Amino acid sequence: MTEARRPVRMCVRCGVITRDPVVVSEVHQSSGPGFNVYACPECASYYPPVPDVLDLFNDRDRRR
């Protein structure tokens, strides 16, 4: 069995190509697909955690 190819992405902060990308942001668009923004593990700590969309719905329901 062939080993799966690991993702390779460029860090949004330092520009280094990393084999261990971390999602630091999700960009949503009104038409067409959105995209993820990645950082290397060293730079990922500079970004806040990406919110879970289900948590956003729960916050809205609590405010009612």
PDB file of N, CA and C in Angstrom:
ATOM      1  N   MET A   1       0.839  -1.181   0.000  1.00  0.00           N
ATOM      2  CA  MET A   1       0.000   0.000   0.000  1.00  0.00           C
ATOM      3  C   MET A   1       0.883   1.243   0.000  1.00  0.00           C
ATOM      4  N   THR A   2       0.516   2.226  -0.789  1.00  0.00           N
ATOM      5  CA  THR A   2       1.290   3.453  -0.917  1.00  0.00           C
ATOM      6  C   THR A   2       0.977   4.410   0.230  1.00  0.00           C
ATOM      7  N   GLU A   3       2.017   5.040   0.751  1.00  0.00           N
ATOM      8  CA  GLU A   3       1.826   6.018   1.829  1.00  0.00           C
ATOM      9  C   GLU A   3       1.152   7.265   1.260  1.00  0.00           C
ATOM     10  N   ALA A   4       0.193   7.810   2.002  1.00  0.00           N
ATOM     11  CA  ALA A   4      -0.528   9.006   1.564  1.00  0.00           C
ATOM     12  C   ALA A   4       0.415  10.205   1.516  1.00  0.00           C
ATOM     13  N   ARG A   5       0.202  11.053   0.545  1.00  0.00           N
ATOM     14  CA  ARG A   5       1.008  12.262   0.409  1.00  0.00           C
ATOM     15  C   ARG A   5       0.638  13.266   1.482  1.00  0.00           C
ATOM     16  N   ARG A   6       1.629  13.799   2.156  1.00  0.00           N
ATOM     17  CA  ARG A   6       1.377  14.780   3.211  1.00  0.00           C
ATOM     18  C   ARG A   6       1.182  16.160   2.598  1.00  0.00           C
ATOM     19  N   PRO A   7       0.341  16.995   3.212  1.00  0.00           N
ATOM     20  CA  PRO A   7       0.111  18.333   2.658  1.00  0.00           C
ATOM     21  C   PRO A   7       1.361  19.211   2.795  1.00  0.00           C
ATOM     22  N   VAL A   8       1.554  20.083   1.834  1.00  0.00           N
ATOM     23  CA  VAL A   8       2.649  21.047   1.852  1.00  0.00           C
ATOM     24  C   VAL A   8       2.021  22.419   1.627  1.00  0.00           C
ATOM     25  N   ARG A   9       2.226  23.331   2.540  1.00  0.00           N
ATOM     26  CA  ARG A   9       1.636  24.668   2.439  1.00  0.00           C
ATOM     27  C   ARG A   9       2.674  25.722   2.807  1.00  0.00           C
ATOM     28  N   MET A  10       2.417  26.954   2.391  1.00  0.00           N
ATOM     29  CA  MET A  10       3.290  28.062   2.748  1.00  0.00           C
ATOM     30  C   MET A  10       2.704  28.789   3.950  1.00  0.00           C
ATOM     31  N   CYS A  11       3.542  29.142   4.903  1.00  0.00           N
ATOM     32  CA  CYS A  11       3.127  29.863   6.094  1.00  0.00           C
ATOM     33  C   CYS A  11       2.774  31.294   5.720  1.00  0.00           C
ATOM     34  N   VAL A  12       1.617  31.750   6.167  1.00  0.00           N
ATOM     35  CA  VAL A  12       1.157  33.101   5.865  1.00  0.00           C
ATOM     36  C   VAL A  12       2.003  34.168   6.568  1.00  0.00           C
ATOM     37  N   ARG A  13       2.654  33.824   7.654  1.00  0.00           N
ATOM     38  CA  ARG A  13       3.421  34.806   8.428  1.00  0.00           C
ATOM     39  C   ARG A  13       4.875  34.894   7.979  1.00  0.00           C
ATOM     40  N   CYS A  14       5.581  33.764   7.899  1.00  0.00           N
ATOM     41  CA  CYS A  14       7.015  33.802   7.605  1.00  0.00           C
ATOM     42  C   CYS A  14       7.360  33.376   6.181  1.00  0.00           C
ATOM     43  N   GLY A  15       6.395  32.807   5.452  1.00  0.00           N
ATOM     44  CA  GLY A  15       6.617  32.425   4.066  1.00  0.00           C
ATOM     45  C   GLY A  15       7.366  31.121   3.860  1.00  0.00           C
ATOM     46  N   VAL A  16       7.658  30.398   4.924  1.00  0.00           N
ATOM     47  CA  VAL A  16       8.371  29.122   4.830  1.00  0.00           C
ATOM     48  C   VAL A  16       7.403  28.034   4.374  1.00  0.00           C
ATOM     49  N   ILE A  17       7.870  27.144   3.515  1.00  0.00           N
ATOM     50  CA  ILE A  17       7.078  25.986   3.109  1.00  0.00           C
ATOM     51  C   ILE A  17       7.157  24.955   4.238  1.00  0.00           C
ATOM     52  N   THR A  18       5.993  24.477   4.692  1.00  0.00           N
ATOM     53  CA  THR A  18       5.944  23.542   5.814  1.00  0.00           C
ATOM     54  C   THR A  18       5.186  22.280   5.429  1.00  0.00           C
ATOM     55  N   ARG A  19       5.635  21.165   5.980  1.00  0.00           N
ATOM     56  CA  ARG A  19       4.940  19.889   5.799  1.00  0.00           C
ATOM     57  C   ARG A  19       3.979  19.627   6.961  1.00  0.00           C
ATOM     58  N   ASP A  20       3.925  20.520   7.932  1.00  0.00           N
ATOM     59  CA  ASP A  20       3.013  20.397   9.072  1.00  0.00           C
ATOM     60  C   ASP A  20       2.155  21.660   9.196  1.00  0.00           C
ATOM     61  N   PRO A  21       1.350  21.976   8.180  1.00  0.00           N
ATOM     62  CA  PRO A  21       0.574  23.216   8.218  1.00  0.00           C
ATOM     63  C   PRO A  21      -0.523  23.188   9.278  1.00  0.00           C
ATOM     64  N   VAL A  22      -0.804  24.366   9.824  1.00  0.00           N
ATOM     65  CA  VAL A  22      -1.865  24.547  10.811  1.00  0.00           C
ATOM     66  C   VAL A  22      -2.842  25.565  10.234  1.00  0.00           C
ATOM     67  N   VAL A  23      -4.135  25.264  10.220  1.00  0.00           N
ATOM     68  CA  VAL A  23      -5.138  26.216   9.738  1.00  0.00           C
ATOM     69  C   VAL A  23      -5.266  27.334  10.764  1.00  0.00           C
ATOM     70  N   VAL A  24      -5.058  28.585  10.318  1.00  0.00           N
ATOM     71  CA  VAL A  24      -5.165  29.727  11.230  1.00  0.00           C
ATOM     72  C   VAL A  24      -6.331  30.640  10.869  1.00  0.00           C
ATOM     73  N   SER A  25      -6.936  30.427   9.710  1.00  0.00           N
ATOM     74  CA  SER A  25      -8.079  31.250   9.309  1.00  0.00           C
ATOM     75  C   SER A  25      -8.823  30.551   8.182  1.00  0.00           C
ATOM     76  N   GLU A  26     -10.108  30.856   8.083  1.00  0.00           N
ATOM     77  CA  GLU A  26     -10.931  30.376   6.980  1.00  0.00           C
ATOM     78  C   GLU A  26     -11.526  31.599   6.298  1.00  0.00           C
ATOM     79  N   VAL A  27     -11.344  31.711   4.994  1.00  0.00           N
ATOM     80  CA  VAL A  27     -11.875  32.841   4.244  1.00  0.00           C
ATOM     81  C   VAL A  27     -13.118  32.358   3.514  1.00  0.00           C
ATOM     82  N   HIS A  28     -14.246  32.993   3.812  1.00  0.00           N
ATOM     83  CA  HIS A  28     -15.519  32.633   3.195  1.00  0.00           C
ATOM     84  C   HIS A  28     -15.847  33.648   2.108  1.00  0.00           C
ATOM     85  N   GLN A  29     -16.445  33.171   1.028  1.00  0.00           N
ATOM     86  CA  GLN A  29     -16.811  34.044  -0.081  1.00  0.00           C
ATOM     87  C   GLN A  29     -18.279  33.882  -0.397  1.00  0.00           C
ATOM     88  N   SER A  30     -18.889  34.946  -0.920  1.00  0.00           N
ATOM     89  CA  SER A  30     -20.312  34.882  -1.232  1.00  0.00           C
ATOM     90  C   SER A  30     -20.581  34.076  -2.498  1.00  0.00           C
ATOM     91  N   SER A  31     -19.614  34.009  -3.397  1.00  0.00           N
ATOM     92  CA  SER A  31     -19.786  33.166  -4.579  1.00  0.00           C
ATOM     93  C   SER A  31     -18.506  32.358  -4.780  1.00  0.00           C
ATOM     94  N   GLY A  32     -18.665  31.090  -4.990  1.00  0.00           N
ATOM     95  CA  GLY A  32     -17.509  30.233  -5.162  1.00  0.00           C
ATOM     96  C   GLY A  32     -16.989  29.722  -3.836  1.00  0.00           C
ATOM     97  N   PRO A  33     -16.046  28.808  -3.906  1.00  0.00           N
ATOM     98  CA  PRO A  33     -15.522  28.212  -2.680  1.00  0.00           C
ATOM     99  C   PRO A  33     -14.598  29.165  -1.936  1.00  0.00           C
ATOM    100  N   GLY A  34     -14.574  29.033  -0.643  1.00  0.00           N
ATOM    101  CA  GLY A  34     -13.634  29.784   0.175  1.00  0.00           C
ATOM    102  C   GLY A  34     -12.311  29.046   0.233  1.00  0.00           C
ATOM    103  N   PHE A  35     -11.436  29.468   1.142  1.00  0.00           N
ATOM    104  CA  PHE A  35     -10.152  28.795   1.265  1.00  0.00           C
ATOM    105  C   PHE A  35      -9.618  28.925   2.677  1.00  0.00           C
ATOM    106  N   ASN A  36      -8.682  28.069   3.015  1.00  0.00           N
ATOM    107  CA  ASN A  36      -8.040  28.088   4.328  1.00  0.00           C
ATOM    108  C   ASN A  36      -6.718  28.830   4.241  1.00  0.00           C
ATOM    109  N   VAL A  37      -6.326  29.446   5.348  1.00  0.00           N
ATOM    110  CA  VAL A  37      -5.040  30.123   5.464  1.00  0.00           C
ATOM    111  C   VAL A  37      -4.214  29.315   6.454  1.00  0.00           C
ATOM    112  N   TYR A  38      -2.966  29.024   6.090  1.00  0.00           N
ATOM    113  CA  TYR A  38      -2.118  28.138   6.881  1.00  0.00           C
ATOM    114  C   TYR A  38      -0.908  28.873   7.448  1.00  0.00           C
ATOM    115  N   ALA A  39      -0.396  28.336   8.546  1.00  0.00           N
ATOM    116  CA  ALA A  39       0.858  28.801   9.148  1.00  0.00           C
ATOM    117  C   ALA A  39       1.679  27.587   9.539  1.00  0.00           C
ATOM    118  N   CYS A  40       2.978  27.808   9.698  1.00  0.00           N
ATOM    119  CA  CYS A  40       3.827  26.733  10.204  1.00  0.00           C
ATOM    120  C   CYS A  40       3.562  26.591  11.709  1.00  0.00           C
ATOM    121  N   PRO A  41       3.910  25.483  12.312  1.00  0.00           N
ATOM    122  CA  PRO A  41       3.647  25.293  13.743  1.00  0.00           C
ATOM    123  C   PRO A  41       4.271  26.385  14.622  1.00  0.00           C
ATOM    124  N   GLU A  42       5.423  26.910  14.228  1.00  0.00           N
ATOM    125  CA  GLU A  42       6.081  27.948  15.034  1.00  0.00           C
ATOM    126  C   GLU A  42       5.299  29.264  15.011  1.00  0.00           C
ATOM    127  N   CYS A  43       4.704  29.605  13.873  1.00  0.00           N
ATOM    128  CA  CYS A  43       3.976  30.874  13.741  1.00  0.00           C
ATOM    129  C   CYS A  43       2.499  30.762  14.135  1.00  0.00           C
ATOM    130  N   ALA A  44       1.964  29.556  14.216  1.00  0.00           N
ATOM    131  CA  ALA A  44       0.535  29.369  14.491  1.00  0.00           C
ATOM    132  C   ALA A  44       0.120  29.967  15.824  1.00  0.00           C
ATOM    133  N   SER A  45       1.033  30.037  16.783  1.00  0.00           N
ATOM    134  CA  SER A  45       0.680  30.576  18.101  1.00  0.00           C
ATOM    135  C   SER A  45       0.403  32.082  18.059  1.00  0.00           C
ATOM    136  N   TYR A  46       0.762  32.764  16.986  1.00  0.00           N
ATOM    137  CA  TYR A  46       0.501  34.197  16.844  1.00  0.00           C
ATOM    138  C   TYR A  46      -0.942  34.493  16.434  1.00  0.00           C
ATOM    139  N   TYR A  47      -1.707  33.461  16.100  1.00  0.00           N
ATOM    140  CA  TYR A  47      -3.074  33.623  15.633  1.00  0.00           C
ATOM    141  C   TYR A  47      -4.057  33.053  16.640  1.00  0.00           C
ATOM    142  N   PRO A  48      -5.218  33.680  16.788  1.00  0.00           N
ATOM    143  CA  PRO A  48      -6.226  33.117  17.697  1.00  0.00           C
ATOM    144  C   PRO A  48      -6.790  31.820  17.117  1.00  0.00           C
ATOM    145  N   PRO A  49      -7.354  30.961  17.958  1.00  0.00           N
ATOM    146  CA  PRO A  49      -7.919  29.707  17.443  1.00  0.00           C
ATOM    147  C   PRO A  49      -9.074  29.987  16.480  1.00  0.00           C
ATOM    148  N   VAL A  50      -9.200  29.149  15.470  1.00  0.00           N
ATOM    149  CA  VAL A  50     -10.300  29.282  14.508  1.00  0.00           C
ATOM    150  C   VAL A  50     -11.582  28.847  15.208  1.00  0.00           C
ATOM    151  N   PRO A  51     -12.621  29.713  15.226  1.00  0.00           N
ATOM    152  CA  PRO A  51     -13.852  29.328  15.912  1.00  0.00           C
ATOM    153  C   PRO A  51     -14.575  28.196  15.184  1.00  0.00           C
ATOM    154  N   ASP A  52     -15.206  27.348  15.958  1.00  0.00           N
ATOM    155  CA  ASP A  52     -16.038  26.291  15.392  1.00  0.00           C
ATOM    156  C   ASP A  52     -17.399  26.908  15.069  1.00  0.00           C
ATOM    157  N   VAL A  53     -17.886  26.703  13.865  1.00  0.00           N
ATOM    158  CA  VAL A  53     -19.140  27.319  13.445  1.00  0.00           C
ATOM    159  C   VAL A  53     -20.292  26.919  14.367  1.00  0.00           C
ATOM    160  N   LEU A  54     -20.273  25.718  14.900  1.00  0.00           N
ATOM    161  CA  LEU A  54     -21.345  25.291  15.803  1.00  0.00           C
ATOM    162  C   LEU A  54     -21.317  26.083  17.110  1.00  0.00           C
ATOM    163  N   ASP A  55     -20.137  26.471  17.575  1.00  0.00           N
ATOM    164  CA  ASP A  55     -20.047  27.320  18.761  1.00  0.00           C
ATOM    165  C   ASP A  55     -20.668  28.689  18.501  1.00  0.00           C
ATOM    166  N   LEU A  56     -20.533  29.209  17.301  1.00  0.00           N
ATOM    167  CA  LEU A  56     -21.128  30.501  16.963  1.00  0.00           C
ATOM    168  C   LEU A  56     -22.646  30.418  17.034  1.00  0.00           C
ATOM    169  N   PHE A  57     -23.239  29.309  16.575  1.00  0.00           N
ATOM    170  CA  PHE A  57     -24.682  29.141  16.672  1.00  0.00           C
ATOM    171  C   PHE A  57     -25.113  29.041  18.136  1.00  0.00           C
ATOM    172  N   ASN A  58     -24.363  28.336  18.956  1.00  0.00           N
ATOM    173  CA  ASN A  58     -24.701  28.204  20.368  1.00  0.00           C
ATOM    174  C   ASN A  58     -24.663  29.562  21.063  1.00  0.00           C
ATOM    175  N   ASP A  59     -23.689  30.412  20.749  1.00  0.00           N
ATOM    176  CA  ASP A  59     -23.613  31.752  21.335  1.00  0.00           C
ATOM    177  C   ASP A  59     -24.842  32.577  20.948  1.00  0.00           C
ATOM    178  N   ARG A  60     -25.273  32.467  19.708  1.00  0.00           N
ATOM    179  CA  ARG A  60     -26.451  33.214  19.257  1.00  0.00           C
ATOM    180  C   ARG A  60     -27.691  32.768  20.016  1.00  0.00           C
ATOM    181  N   ASP A  61     -27.841  31.452  20.210  1.00  0.00           N
ATOM    182  CA  ASP A  61     -29.015  30.933  20.911  1.00  0.00           C
ATOM    183  C   ASP A  61     -29.018  31.353  22.377  1.00  0.00           C
ATOM    184  N   ARG A  62     -27.867  31.468  23.003  1.00  0.00           N
ATOM    185  CA  ARG A  62     -27.796  31.886  24.413  1.00  0.00           C
ATOM    186  C   ARG A  62     -28.184  33.340  24.600  1.00  0.00           C
ATOM    187  N   ARG A  63     -27.984  34.155  23.575  1.00  0.00           N
ATOM    188  CA  ARG A  63     -28.308  35.583  23.703  1.00  0.00           C
ATOM    189  C   ARG A  63     -29.802  35.841  23.618  1.00  0.00           C
ATOM    190  N   ARG A  64     -30.567  34.877  23.209  1.00  0.00           N
ATOM    191  CA  ARG A  64     -32.033  35.088  23.075  1.00  0.00           C
ATOM    192  C   ARG A  64     -32.716  35.009  24.395  1.00  0.00           C
TER     193      ARG A  64
END
